[in-house]
């Protein structure tokens, strides 16, 4: 579960960066 949240955070971070 924690891994899923971490991956989601990376995706959101990448989206904000782009």
N, C-alpha and C. Protein backbone atom coordinates (compact mmCIF):
# COMPACT_ATOMS: atom_id res chain seq x y z
N UNK A 1 0.85 -1.20 0.00
CA UNK A 1 0.00 0.00 0.00
C UNK A 1 0.88 1.25 0.00
N UNK A 2 1.92 1.21 0.85
CA UNK A 2 2.82 2.36 0.95
C UNK A 2 3.54 2.60 -0.37
N UNK A 3 3.88 1.50 -1.05
CA UNK A 3 4.59 1.61 -2.33
C UNK A 3 3.70 2.29 -3.37
N UNK A 4 2.40 1.96 -3.33
CA UNK A 4 1.45 2.54 -4.30
C UNK A 4 1.37 4.05 -4.10
N UNK A 5 1.33 4.47 -2.84
CA UNK A 5 1.26 5.91 -2.54
C UNK A 5 2.52 6.61 -3.01
N UNK A 6 3.67 5.93 -2.85
CA UNK A 6 4.94 6.51 -3.27
C UNK A 6 5.00 6.67 -4.78
N UNK A 7 4.53 5.65 -5.48
CA UNK A 7 4.51 5.70 -6.95
C UNK A 7 3.57 6.79 -7.43
N UNK A 8 2.41 6.91 -6.76
CA UNK A 8 1.44 7.93 -7.13
C UNK A 8 2.05 9.32 -6.91
N UNK A 9 2.82 9.47 -5.84
CA UNK A 9 3.45 10.75 -5.53
C UNK A 9 4.46 11.11 -6.62
N UNK A 10 5.20 10.10 -7.10
CA UNK A 10 6.18 10.33 -8.17
C UNK A 10 5.47 10.77 -9.46
N UNK A 11 4.34 10.12 -9.76
CA UNK A 11 3.58 10.44 -10.98
C UNK A 11 3.06 11.87 -10.91
N UNK A 12 2.51 12.23 -9.75
CA UNK A 12 1.98 13.59 -9.56
C UNK A 12 3.12 14.60 -9.64
N UNK A 13 4.24 14.28 -9.04
CA UNK A 13 5.41 15.16 -9.06
C UNK A 13 5.92 15.36 -10.48
N UNK A 14 5.94 14.27 -11.26
CA UNK A 14 6.41 14.34 -12.64
C UNK A 14 5.44 15.19 -13.47
N UNK A 15 4.14 15.04 -13.20
CA UNK A 15 3.13 15.79 -13.93
C UNK A 15 3.27 17.28 -13.64
N UNK A 16 3.52 17.61 -12.36
CA UNK A 16 3.68 19.02 -11.98
C UNK A 16 4.97 19.58 -12.60
N UNK A 17 6.01 18.72 -12.67
CA UNK A 17 7.29 19.16 -13.22
C UNK A 17 7.17 19.45 -14.71
N UNK A 18 6.37 18.59 -15.38
CA UNK A 18 6.19 18.77 -16.83
C UNK A 18 5.24 19.94 -17.09
